[in-house]
């Protein structure tokens, strides 16, 4: 992780270091969580192959568990992408705009992501998890709300990160623009 070179006052046109540090810590936790989920999926698939081809009795639960880990990994990785500003972006329009237009576009996109994350992922995900509370998975027998519960959690994390990102867009637009171009969440150089 790179360290920030900005000062602590937002009045001076810089993000408070505590917010930048919180975003970095959250990104690190999300990265480790996604890595752990990927490792778990790999081990489960290897176990499935071993039980199927070596023991001749496949462990059926692994297929469902791997599927759930994949769902969780997707949501955790999405939150990580927004925390680090390393999400996919089509930059054809942005790169043709002057600096002021780029700044405005970055703010607009971050606000749209914030609204989407709040309305669809957080609220919609919570409603989905609540609606699935009485359904159980076929092989594991766990409530599907546990599986779908990752959506509102990841959505809430994206909302929090996007609030920091929008604040950065407004308070320190040069750092925000640099971060959106190279994925550096601090806007500074390492």
N, C-alpha and C. Protein backbone atom coordinates (compact mmCIF):
# COMPACT_ATOMS: atom_id res chain seq x y z
N UNK A 1 0.83 -1.17 0.00
CA UNK A 1 0.00 0.00 0.00
C UNK A 1 0.88 1.24 0.00
N UNK A 2 0.49 2.24 -0.75
CA UNK A 2 1.26 3.46 -0.78
C UNK A 2 0.80 4.36 0.35
N UNK A 3 1.68 5.25 0.77
CA UNK A 3 1.32 6.17 1.83
C UNK A 3 0.92 7.49 1.23
N UNK A 4 0.09 8.20 1.96
CA UNK A 4 -0.40 9.46 1.44
C UNK A 4 0.58 10.58 1.74
N UNK A 5 0.66 11.53 0.85
CA UNK A 5 1.51 12.69 1.03
C UNK A 5 0.68 13.92 1.29
N UNK A 6 -0.63 13.75 1.47
CA UNK A 6 -1.51 14.89 1.65
C UNK A 6 -1.51 15.34 3.10
N UNK A 7 -1.92 16.59 3.31
CA UNK A 7 -2.03 17.14 4.65
C UNK A 7 -3.36 16.78 5.25
N UNK A 8 -3.54 17.08 6.53
CA UNK A 8 -4.70 16.59 7.27
C UNK A 8 -5.92 17.49 7.19
N UNK A 9 -5.86 18.60 6.55
CA UNK A 9 -7.01 19.49 6.59
C UNK A 9 -7.74 19.49 5.28
N UNK A 10 -9.06 19.33 5.37
CA UNK A 10 -9.85 19.38 4.15
C UNK A 10 -10.02 20.81 3.68
N UNK A 11 -9.87 21.79 4.58
CA UNK A 11 -9.98 23.18 4.19
C UNK A 11 -8.86 23.57 3.24
N UNK A 12 -7.72 22.89 3.36
CA UNK A 12 -6.59 23.18 2.49
C UNK A 12 -6.66 22.43 1.17
N UNK A 13 -7.76 21.76 0.90
CA UNK A 13 -7.92 21.08 -0.36
C UNK A 13 -7.41 19.65 -0.35
N UNK A 14 -7.26 19.07 0.83
CA UNK A 14 -6.77 17.69 0.93
C UNK A 14 -7.73 16.86 1.76
N UNK A 15 -7.70 15.57 1.51
CA UNK A 15 -8.51 14.63 2.29
C UNK A 15 -7.87 14.42 3.65
N UNK A 16 -8.69 14.27 4.70
CA UNK A 16 -8.12 13.92 6.00
C UNK A 16 -7.43 12.56 5.91
N UNK A 17 -6.22 12.45 6.43
CA UNK A 17 -5.49 11.17 6.34
C UNK A 17 -6.24 10.02 6.99
N UNK A 18 -7.06 10.29 7.98
CA UNK A 18 -7.79 9.20 8.64
C UNK A 18 -8.76 8.52 7.66
N UNK A 19 -9.38 9.30 6.77
CA UNK A 19 -10.27 8.71 5.77
C UNK A 19 -9.50 7.91 4.74
N UNK A 20 -8.38 8.45 4.33
CA UNK A 20 -7.55 7.72 3.36
C UNK A 20 -7.04 6.43 3.98
N UNK A 21 -6.62 6.49 5.23
CA UNK A 21 -6.12 5.30 5.91
C UNK A 21 -7.24 4.27 6.11
N UNK A 22 -8.43 4.75 6.47
CA UNK A 22 -9.57 3.84 6.65
C UNK A 22 -9.89 3.12 5.34
N UNK A 23 -9.83 3.86 4.23
CA UNK A 23 -10.09 3.25 2.93
C UNK A 23 -9.01 2.22 2.58
N UNK A 24 -7.76 2.53 2.91
CA UNK A 24 -6.67 1.59 2.66
C UNK A 24 -6.82 0.31 3.49
N UNK A 25 -7.19 0.48 4.77
CA UNK A 25 -7.37 -0.68 5.65
C UNK A 25 -8.53 -1.54 5.16
N UNK A 26 -9.64 -0.88 4.79
CA UNK A 26 -10.78 -1.62 4.26
C UNK A 26 -10.39 -2.38 2.99
N UNK A 27 -9.64 -1.72 2.12
CA UNK A 27 -9.19 -2.38 0.89
C UNK A 27 -8.33 -3.60 1.21
N UNK A 28 -7.46 -3.47 2.20
CA UNK A 28 -6.60 -4.61 2.57
C UNK A 28 -7.44 -5.76 3.13
N UNK A 29 -8.41 -5.45 3.98
CA UNK A 29 -9.28 -6.49 4.54
C UNK A 29 -10.06 -7.17 3.42
N UNK A 30 -10.58 -6.39 2.49
CA UNK A 30 -11.33 -6.95 1.37
C UNK A 30 -10.43 -7.82 0.49
N UNK A 31 -9.21 -7.38 0.25
CA UNK A 31 -8.28 -8.15 -0.57
C UNK A 31 -7.96 -9.49 0.09
N UNK A 32 -7.71 -9.48 1.39
CA UNK A 32 -7.41 -10.72 2.11
C UNK A 32 -8.62 -11.63 2.16
N UNK A 33 -9.80 -11.04 2.30
CA UNK A 33 -11.02 -11.85 2.31
C UNK A 33 -11.24 -12.52 0.96
N UNK A 34 -11.06 -11.76 -0.11
CA UNK A 34 -11.21 -12.34 -1.45
C UNK A 34 -10.16 -13.42 -1.69
N UNK A 35 -8.94 -13.18 -1.22
CA UNK A 35 -7.89 -14.19 -1.37
C UNK A 35 -8.23 -15.46 -0.59
N UNK A 36 -8.74 -15.30 0.62
CA UNK A 36 -9.13 -16.47 1.42
C UNK A 36 -10.24 -17.25 0.74
N UNK A 37 -11.20 -16.54 0.16
CA UNK A 37 -12.29 -17.21 -0.55
C UNK A 37 -11.78 -17.96 -1.77
N UNK A 38 -10.84 -17.37 -2.49
CA UNK A 38 -10.25 -18.04 -3.66
C UNK A 38 -9.46 -19.28 -3.24
N UNK A 39 -8.74 -19.18 -2.14
CA UNK A 39 -8.00 -20.34 -1.64
C UNK A 39 -8.98 -21.44 -1.23
N UNK A 40 -10.05 -21.03 -0.53
CA UNK A 40 -11.06 -22.01 -0.11
C UNK A 40 -11.69 -22.70 -1.32
N UNK A 41 -12.01 -21.92 -2.36
CA UNK A 41 -12.58 -22.53 -3.57
C UNK A 41 -11.61 -23.51 -4.20
N UNK A 42 -10.35 -23.14 -4.27
CA UNK A 42 -9.34 -24.03 -4.86
C UNK A 42 -9.24 -25.32 -4.07
N UNK A 43 -9.17 -25.22 -2.75
CA UNK A 43 -9.08 -26.42 -1.93
C UNK A 43 -10.33 -27.29 -2.04
N UNK A 44 -11.50 -26.65 -2.10
CA UNK A 44 -12.74 -27.42 -2.24
C UNK A 44 -12.79 -28.15 -3.58
N UNK A 45 -12.36 -27.49 -4.64
CA UNK A 45 -12.36 -28.15 -5.95
C UNK A 45 -11.35 -29.30 -5.97
N UNK A 46 -10.19 -29.08 -5.38
CA UNK A 46 -9.20 -30.17 -5.30
C UNK A 46 -9.75 -31.34 -4.48
N UNK A 47 -10.43 -31.03 -3.40
CA UNK A 47 -11.04 -32.09 -2.59
C UNK A 47 -12.11 -32.83 -3.39
N UNK A 48 -12.90 -32.09 -4.15
CA UNK A 48 -13.94 -32.69 -4.99
C UNK A 48 -13.30 -33.64 -6.01
N UNK A 49 -12.24 -33.21 -6.66
CA UNK A 49 -11.56 -34.05 -7.65
C UNK A 49 -10.98 -35.29 -6.97
N UNK A 50 -10.35 -35.11 -5.81
CA UNK A 50 -9.77 -36.24 -5.08
C UNK A 50 -10.85 -37.26 -4.71
N UNK A 51 -11.96 -36.78 -4.14
CA UNK A 51 -13.00 -37.72 -3.72
C UNK A 51 -13.67 -38.39 -4.92
N UNK A 52 -13.77 -37.68 -6.01
CA UNK A 52 -14.44 -38.25 -7.19
C UNK A 52 -13.56 -39.30 -7.88
N UNK A 53 -12.30 -38.95 -8.14
CA UNK A 53 -11.47 -39.81 -8.97
C UNK A 53 -10.57 -40.76 -8.18
N UNK A 54 -10.22 -40.41 -6.96
CA UNK A 54 -9.37 -41.30 -6.17
C UNK A 54 -10.20 -42.21 -5.29
N UNK A 55 -11.16 -41.62 -4.58
CA UNK A 55 -11.98 -42.41 -3.67
C UNK A 55 -13.21 -43.02 -4.35
N UNK A 56 -13.58 -42.47 -5.49
CA UNK A 56 -14.74 -42.98 -6.21
C UNK A 56 -16.07 -42.60 -5.59
N UNK A 57 -16.06 -41.71 -4.62
CA UNK A 57 -17.29 -41.25 -3.97
C UNK A 57 -17.23 -39.73 -3.84
N UNK A 58 -17.76 -39.00 -4.84
CA UNK A 58 -17.62 -37.54 -4.83
C UNK A 58 -18.32 -36.89 -3.64
N UNK A 59 -17.69 -35.86 -3.13
CA UNK A 59 -18.28 -35.06 -2.05
C UNK A 59 -19.19 -34.02 -2.70
N UNK A 60 -20.48 -34.27 -2.65
CA UNK A 60 -21.45 -33.42 -3.35
C UNK A 60 -21.52 -31.99 -2.79
N UNK A 61 -21.29 -31.83 -1.51
CA UNK A 61 -21.44 -30.52 -0.89
C UNK A 61 -20.47 -29.49 -1.45
N UNK A 62 -19.33 -29.95 -1.99
CA UNK A 62 -18.31 -29.01 -2.44
C UNK A 62 -18.78 -28.16 -3.62
N UNK A 63 -19.59 -28.74 -4.50
CA UNK A 63 -20.07 -27.97 -5.66
C UNK A 63 -20.89 -26.78 -5.20
N UNK A 64 -21.79 -27.00 -4.27
CA UNK A 64 -22.64 -25.91 -3.79
C UNK A 64 -21.82 -24.89 -2.98
N UNK A 65 -20.92 -25.36 -2.17
CA UNK A 65 -20.10 -24.46 -1.37
C UNK A 65 -19.18 -23.61 -2.24
N UNK A 66 -18.63 -24.21 -3.28
CA UNK A 66 -17.79 -23.44 -4.21
C UNK A 66 -18.62 -22.37 -4.90
N UNK A 67 -19.84 -22.71 -5.28
CA UNK A 67 -20.72 -21.73 -5.92
C UNK A 67 -20.98 -20.55 -4.99
N UNK A 68 -21.23 -20.82 -3.73
CA UNK A 68 -21.48 -19.75 -2.77
C UNK A 68 -20.23 -18.91 -2.53
N UNK A 69 -19.08 -19.57 -2.46
CA UNK A 69 -17.83 -18.83 -2.31
C UNK A 69 -17.58 -17.93 -3.52
N UNK A 70 -17.95 -18.39 -4.69
CA UNK A 70 -17.79 -17.59 -5.90
C UNK A 70 -18.69 -16.35 -5.85
N UNK A 71 -19.91 -16.52 -5.38
CA UNK A 71 -20.82 -15.37 -5.22
C UNK A 71 -20.22 -14.38 -4.24
N UNK A 72 -19.76 -14.88 -3.10
CA UNK A 72 -19.18 -13.99 -2.09
C UNK A 72 -17.93 -13.30 -2.62
N UNK A 73 -17.11 -14.03 -3.36
CA UNK A 73 -15.89 -13.45 -3.91
C UNK A 73 -16.21 -12.30 -4.87
N UNK A 74 -17.24 -12.48 -5.69
CA UNK A 74 -17.63 -11.42 -6.62
C UNK A 74 -18.03 -10.15 -5.91
N UNK A 75 -18.81 -10.27 -4.86
CA UNK A 75 -19.24 -9.08 -4.13
C UNK A 75 -18.09 -8.44 -3.35
N UNK A 76 -17.27 -9.26 -2.72
CA UNK A 76 -16.12 -8.73 -1.97
C UNK A 76 -15.15 -8.04 -2.93
N UNK A 77 -14.90 -8.65 -4.08
CA UNK A 77 -13.99 -8.06 -5.06
C UNK A 77 -14.56 -6.77 -5.64
N UNK A 78 -15.88 -6.68 -5.79
CA UNK A 78 -16.48 -5.43 -6.27
C UNK A 78 -16.24 -4.31 -5.26
N UNK A 79 -16.43 -4.61 -3.99
CA UNK A 79 -16.17 -3.59 -2.96
C UNK A 79 -14.69 -3.19 -2.97
N UNK A 80 -13.81 -4.17 -3.14
CA UNK A 80 -12.38 -3.89 -3.23
C UNK A 80 -12.07 -2.98 -4.43
N UNK A 81 -12.68 -3.27 -5.56
CA UNK A 81 -12.43 -2.47 -6.77
C UNK A 81 -12.80 -1.01 -6.57
N UNK A 82 -13.89 -0.75 -5.88
CA UNK A 82 -14.27 0.64 -5.65
C UNK A 82 -13.43 1.28 -4.56
N UNK A 83 -12.99 0.49 -3.58
CA UNK A 83 -12.14 1.03 -2.52
C UNK A 83 -10.77 1.44 -3.06
N UNK A 84 -10.31 0.75 -4.08
CA UNK A 84 -9.00 1.06 -4.67
C UNK A 84 -9.10 1.86 -5.96
N UNK A 85 -10.33 2.12 -6.40
CA UNK A 85 -10.58 2.80 -7.67
C UNK A 85 -9.93 2.05 -8.83
N UNK A 86 -9.98 0.74 -8.77
CA UNK A 86 -9.41 -0.09 -9.83
C UNK A 86 -10.49 -0.88 -10.56
N UNK A 87 -11.68 -0.36 -10.59
CA UNK A 87 -12.77 -1.02 -11.29
C UNK A 87 -12.62 -0.80 -12.79
N UNK A 88 -13.30 -1.61 -13.54
CA UNK A 88 -13.24 -1.47 -15.00
C UNK A 88 -13.88 -0.14 -15.40
N UNK A 89 -13.32 0.50 -16.39
CA UNK A 89 -13.87 1.76 -16.85
C UNK A 89 -13.57 1.93 -18.34
N UNK A 90 -14.55 2.45 -19.04
CA UNK A 90 -14.33 2.84 -20.42
C UNK A 90 -13.91 4.30 -20.40
N UNK A 91 -12.71 4.57 -20.83
CA UNK A 91 -12.14 5.90 -20.68
C UNK A 91 -12.12 6.70 -21.99
N UNK A 92 -12.78 6.18 -23.00
CA UNK A 92 -12.75 6.84 -24.31
C UNK A 92 -13.32 8.26 -24.21
N UNK A 93 -14.47 8.39 -23.57
CA UNK A 93 -15.09 9.72 -23.43
C UNK A 93 -14.29 10.58 -22.46
N UNK A 94 -13.94 10.00 -21.31
CA UNK A 94 -13.21 10.77 -20.29
C UNK A 94 -11.92 11.36 -20.84
N UNK A 95 -11.18 10.59 -21.60
CA UNK A 95 -9.88 11.04 -22.09
C UNK A 95 -9.99 12.13 -23.15
N UNK A 96 -11.15 12.30 -23.74
CA UNK A 96 -11.32 13.36 -24.74
C UNK A 96 -11.75 14.68 -24.10
N UNK A 97 -12.11 14.65 -22.82
CA UNK A 97 -12.59 15.85 -22.14
C UNK A 97 -11.43 16.67 -21.58
N UNK A 98 -11.65 17.99 -21.45
CA UNK A 98 -10.65 18.81 -20.75
C UNK A 98 -10.67 18.45 -19.25
N UNK A 99 -9.69 18.95 -18.52
CA UNK A 99 -9.55 18.59 -17.10
C UNK A 99 -10.82 18.85 -16.30
N UNK A 100 -11.45 19.98 -16.50
CA UNK A 100 -12.68 20.29 -15.75
C UNK A 100 -13.79 19.29 -16.10
N UNK A 101 -13.88 18.91 -17.34
CA UNK A 101 -14.87 17.91 -17.75
C UNK A 101 -14.58 16.55 -17.16
N UNK A 102 -13.29 16.19 -17.09
CA UNK A 102 -12.91 14.91 -16.46
C UNK A 102 -13.29 14.89 -15.00
N UNK A 103 -13.02 16.00 -14.32
CA UNK A 103 -13.37 16.08 -12.90
C UNK A 103 -14.87 15.93 -12.70
N UNK A 104 -15.64 16.62 -13.52
CA UNK A 104 -17.10 16.54 -13.41
C UNK A 104 -17.59 15.13 -13.70
N UNK A 105 -17.00 14.50 -14.68
CA UNK A 105 -17.39 13.13 -15.02
C UNK A 105 -17.07 12.15 -13.90
N UNK A 106 -15.89 12.31 -13.28
CA UNK A 106 -15.52 11.45 -12.16
C UNK A 106 -16.51 11.60 -11.01
N UNK A 107 -16.89 12.83 -10.69
CA UNK A 107 -17.88 13.08 -9.63
C UNK A 107 -19.21 12.45 -10.00
N UNK A 108 -19.66 12.65 -11.24
CA UNK A 108 -20.95 12.11 -11.68
C UNK A 108 -20.95 10.58 -11.62
N UNK A 109 -19.89 9.96 -12.09
CA UNK A 109 -19.82 8.50 -12.07
C UNK A 109 -19.79 7.97 -10.64
N UNK A 110 -19.00 8.61 -9.78
CA UNK A 110 -18.96 8.17 -8.38
C UNK A 110 -20.31 8.34 -7.70
N UNK A 111 -21.03 9.40 -8.01
CA UNK A 111 -22.38 9.58 -7.45
C UNK A 111 -23.34 8.52 -7.97
N UNK A 112 -23.25 8.20 -9.27
CA UNK A 112 -24.11 7.15 -9.83
C UNK A 112 -23.83 5.80 -9.19
N UNK A 113 -22.56 5.50 -8.98
CA UNK A 113 -22.20 4.24 -8.32
C UNK A 113 -22.73 4.23 -6.90
N UNK A 114 -22.63 5.36 -6.21
CA UNK A 114 -23.14 5.47 -4.85
C UNK A 114 -24.64 5.18 -4.80
N UNK A 115 -25.39 5.80 -5.69
CA UNK A 115 -26.84 5.60 -5.73
C UNK A 115 -27.17 4.15 -6.09
N UNK A 116 -26.48 3.60 -7.07
CA UNK A 116 -26.72 2.21 -7.47
C UNK A 116 -26.40 1.26 -6.32
N UNK A 117 -25.27 1.48 -5.67
CA UNK A 117 -24.87 0.59 -4.57
C UNK A 117 -25.87 0.67 -3.43
N UNK A 118 -26.39 1.85 -3.16
CA UNK A 118 -27.37 1.99 -2.08
C UNK A 118 -28.70 1.36 -2.46
N UNK A 119 -29.22 1.72 -3.63
CA UNK A 119 -30.56 1.27 -4.02
C UNK A 119 -30.62 -0.20 -4.42
N UNK A 120 -29.70 -0.63 -5.25
CA UNK A 120 -29.78 -1.97 -5.81
C UNK A 120 -29.05 -3.01 -4.95
N UNK A 121 -27.79 -2.74 -4.66
CA UNK A 121 -27.01 -3.76 -3.97
C UNK A 121 -27.37 -3.83 -2.48
N UNK A 122 -27.41 -2.68 -1.81
CA UNK A 122 -27.67 -2.70 -0.37
C UNK A 122 -29.13 -2.97 -0.06
N UNK A 123 -30.02 -2.12 -0.55
CA UNK A 123 -31.43 -2.28 -0.22
C UNK A 123 -32.01 -3.50 -0.94
N UNK A 124 -31.75 -3.62 -2.23
CA UNK A 124 -32.23 -4.78 -2.98
C UNK A 124 -31.66 -6.08 -2.46
N UNK A 125 -30.39 -6.07 -2.11
CA UNK A 125 -29.76 -7.27 -1.56
C UNK A 125 -30.33 -7.64 -0.21
N UNK A 126 -30.62 -6.64 0.62
CA UNK A 126 -31.23 -6.91 1.92
C UNK A 126 -32.63 -7.49 1.75
N UNK A 127 -33.39 -6.96 0.81
CA UNK A 127 -34.73 -7.50 0.55
C UNK A 127 -34.65 -8.93 0.03
N UNK A 128 -33.68 -9.20 -0.84
CA UNK A 128 -33.49 -10.55 -1.35
C UNK A 128 -33.11 -11.51 -0.24
N UNK A 129 -32.17 -11.11 0.60
CA UNK A 129 -31.75 -11.97 1.72
C UNK A 129 -32.92 -12.22 2.67
N UNK A 130 -33.70 -11.18 2.93
CA UNK A 130 -34.85 -11.33 3.83
C UNK A 130 -35.90 -12.27 3.21
N UNK A 131 -36.13 -12.13 1.92
CA UNK A 131 -37.12 -12.97 1.25
C UNK A 131 -36.69 -14.43 1.21
N UNK A 132 -35.38 -14.67 1.23
CA UNK A 132 -34.87 -16.04 1.12
C UNK A 132 -34.59 -16.67 2.49
N UNK A 133 -35.03 -16.03 3.55
CA UNK A 133 -34.70 -16.52 4.90
C UNK A 133 -35.30 -17.89 5.22
N UNK A 134 -36.40 -18.26 4.55
CA UNK A 134 -37.03 -19.55 4.81
C UNK A 134 -36.64 -20.63 3.81
N UNK A 135 -35.89 -20.25 2.78
CA UNK A 135 -35.41 -21.23 1.79
C UNK A 135 -34.08 -21.79 2.26
N UNK A 136 -33.89 -23.07 2.04
CA UNK A 136 -32.60 -23.67 2.40
C UNK A 136 -31.91 -24.19 1.15
N UNK A 137 -30.60 -24.25 1.22
CA UNK A 137 -29.84 -24.77 0.09
C UNK A 137 -30.05 -26.27 -0.02
N UNK A 138 -29.91 -26.78 -1.23
CA UNK A 138 -30.23 -28.17 -1.51
C UNK A 138 -29.33 -29.16 -0.77
N UNK A 139 -28.04 -28.95 -0.79
CA UNK A 139 -27.13 -29.92 -0.21
C UNK A 139 -26.66 -29.56 1.19
N UNK A 140 -26.41 -28.28 1.43
CA UNK A 140 -25.89 -27.88 2.73
C UNK A 140 -26.98 -27.69 3.78
N UNK A 141 -28.19 -27.39 3.33
CA UNK A 141 -29.29 -27.18 4.25
C UNK A 141 -29.22 -25.89 5.04
N UNK A 142 -28.43 -24.93 4.56
CA UNK A 142 -28.33 -23.64 5.25
C UNK A 142 -29.33 -22.66 4.62
N UNK A 143 -29.77 -21.68 5.38
CA UNK A 143 -30.69 -20.69 4.80
C UNK A 143 -30.01 -19.92 3.66
N UNK A 144 -30.73 -19.73 2.60
CA UNK A 144 -30.17 -18.98 1.46
C UNK A 144 -29.90 -17.53 1.83
N UNK A 145 -30.54 -17.04 2.87
CA UNK A 145 -30.29 -15.66 3.30
C UNK A 145 -28.82 -15.48 3.71
N UNK A 146 -28.17 -16.54 4.16
CA UNK A 146 -26.73 -16.46 4.48
C UNK A 146 -25.94 -16.23 3.20
N UNK A 147 -26.32 -16.92 2.15
CA UNK A 147 -25.64 -16.76 0.87
C UNK A 147 -25.87 -15.36 0.32
N UNK A 148 -27.12 -14.92 0.33
CA UNK A 148 -27.46 -13.62 -0.25
C UNK A 148 -27.11 -12.46 0.68
N UNK A 149 -26.81 -12.74 1.93
CA UNK A 149 -26.48 -11.69 2.88
C UNK A 149 -25.22 -10.92 2.53
N UNK A 150 -24.38 -11.48 1.70
CA UNK A 150 -23.17 -10.79 1.31
C UNK A 150 -23.49 -9.55 0.46
N UNK A 151 -24.59 -9.56 -0.27
CA UNK A 151 -24.93 -8.43 -1.14
C UNK A 151 -25.13 -7.14 -0.35
N UNK A 152 -26.00 -7.11 0.68
CA UNK A 152 -26.15 -5.85 1.40
C UNK A 152 -24.90 -5.44 2.17
N UNK A 153 -24.11 -6.42 2.61
CA UNK A 153 -22.87 -6.08 3.31
C UNK A 153 -21.89 -5.42 2.34
N UNK A 154 -21.69 -6.04 1.18
CA UNK A 154 -20.80 -5.46 0.18
C UNK A 154 -21.35 -4.13 -0.33
N UNK A 155 -22.67 -4.05 -0.50
CA UNK A 155 -23.28 -2.80 -0.93
C UNK A 155 -23.04 -1.68 0.06
N UNK A 156 -23.17 -1.98 1.34
CA UNK A 156 -22.92 -0.96 2.36
C UNK A 156 -21.46 -0.53 2.35
N UNK A 157 -20.55 -1.47 2.14
CA UNK A 157 -19.13 -1.12 2.06
C UNK A 157 -18.85 -0.25 0.84
N UNK A 158 -19.49 -0.57 -0.28
CA UNK A 158 -19.32 0.25 -1.48
C UNK A 158 -19.88 1.64 -1.24
N UNK A 159 -21.02 1.74 -0.57
CA UNK A 159 -21.59 3.05 -0.25
C UNK A 159 -20.61 3.86 0.60
N UNK A 160 -20.06 3.24 1.64
CA UNK A 160 -19.10 3.95 2.49
C UNK A 160 -17.88 4.42 1.71
N UNK A 161 -17.35 3.53 0.88
CA UNK A 161 -16.17 3.88 0.08
C UNK A 161 -16.52 4.99 -0.91
N UNK A 162 -17.70 4.89 -1.51
CA UNK A 162 -18.08 5.91 -2.49
C UNK A 162 -18.31 7.27 -1.82
N UNK A 163 -18.77 7.28 -0.59
CA UNK A 163 -18.89 8.56 0.13
C UNK A 163 -17.51 9.20 0.29
N UNK A 164 -16.52 8.38 0.63
CA UNK A 164 -15.15 8.89 0.73
C UNK A 164 -14.65 9.31 -0.65
N UNK A 165 -14.94 8.52 -1.67
CA UNK A 165 -14.50 8.85 -3.03
C UNK A 165 -15.12 10.16 -3.52
N UNK A 166 -16.42 10.34 -3.27
CA UNK A 166 -17.09 11.58 -3.70
C UNK A 166 -16.50 12.76 -2.94
N UNK A 167 -16.28 12.57 -1.64
CA UNK A 167 -15.66 13.65 -0.86
C UNK A 167 -14.29 14.00 -1.45
N UNK A 168 -13.52 12.98 -1.78
CA UNK A 168 -12.22 13.22 -2.39
C UNK A 168 -12.37 13.92 -3.74
N UNK A 169 -13.39 13.53 -4.51
CA UNK A 169 -13.63 14.18 -5.80
C UNK A 169 -13.83 15.68 -5.64
N UNK A 170 -14.51 16.06 -4.58
CA UNK A 170 -14.85 17.48 -4.37
C UNK A 170 -13.71 18.22 -3.68
N UNK A 171 -13.14 17.62 -2.64
CA UNK A 171 -12.12 18.30 -1.83
C UNK A 171 -10.76 18.32 -2.52
N UNK A 172 -10.41 17.24 -3.16
CA UNK A 172 -9.10 17.11 -3.79
C UNK A 172 -9.26 16.50 -5.18
N UNK A 173 -9.85 17.26 -6.12
CA UNK A 173 -10.17 16.69 -7.43
C UNK A 173 -8.96 16.18 -8.21
N UNK A 174 -7.80 16.80 -8.01
CA UNK A 174 -6.62 16.33 -8.73
C UNK A 174 -6.22 14.93 -8.26
N UNK A 175 -6.28 14.70 -6.95
CA UNK A 175 -5.96 13.38 -6.41
C UNK A 175 -7.00 12.36 -6.85
N UNK A 176 -8.26 12.77 -6.85
CA UNK A 176 -9.34 11.86 -7.27
C UNK A 176 -9.17 11.49 -8.74
N UNK A 177 -8.85 12.47 -9.56
CA UNK A 177 -8.66 12.21 -10.99
C UNK A 177 -7.45 11.32 -11.21
N UNK A 178 -6.38 11.57 -10.48
CA UNK A 178 -5.19 10.71 -10.60
C UNK A 178 -5.51 9.30 -10.13
N UNK A 179 -6.27 9.19 -9.04
CA UNK A 179 -6.64 7.87 -8.52
C UNK A 179 -7.52 7.12 -9.47
N UNK A 180 -8.44 7.80 -10.15
CA UNK A 180 -9.33 7.12 -11.08
C UNK A 180 -8.61 6.72 -12.36
N UNK A 181 -7.49 7.38 -12.64
CA UNK A 181 -6.75 7.05 -13.84
C UNK A 181 -5.77 5.91 -13.64
N UNK A 182 -5.17 5.82 -12.44
CA UNK A 182 -4.16 4.78 -12.24
C UNK A 182 -4.46 3.81 -11.12
N UNK A 183 -5.62 3.97 -10.46
CA UNK A 183 -5.99 3.04 -9.41
C UNK A 183 -5.38 3.34 -8.06
N UNK A 184 -4.63 4.44 -7.94
CA UNK A 184 -4.02 4.84 -6.67
C UNK A 184 -5.06 5.55 -5.84
N UNK A 185 -5.46 4.97 -4.73
CA UNK A 185 -6.52 5.56 -3.91
C UNK A 185 -6.05 6.78 -3.14
N UNK A 186 -4.77 6.98 -3.02
CA UNK A 186 -4.29 8.12 -2.25
C UNK A 186 -4.14 9.36 -3.11
N UNK A 187 -4.03 9.18 -4.41
CA UNK A 187 -3.84 10.31 -5.29
C UNK A 187 -2.41 10.80 -5.30
N UNK A 188 -1.59 10.33 -4.38
CA UNK A 188 -0.19 10.75 -4.31
C UNK A 188 0.69 9.77 -5.05
N UNK A 189 1.97 10.03 -4.98
CA UNK A 189 2.90 9.12 -5.61
C UNK A 189 3.59 8.30 -4.55
N UNK A 190 3.88 7.09 -4.87
CA UNK A 190 4.52 6.20 -3.88
C UNK A 190 6.01 6.32 -3.97
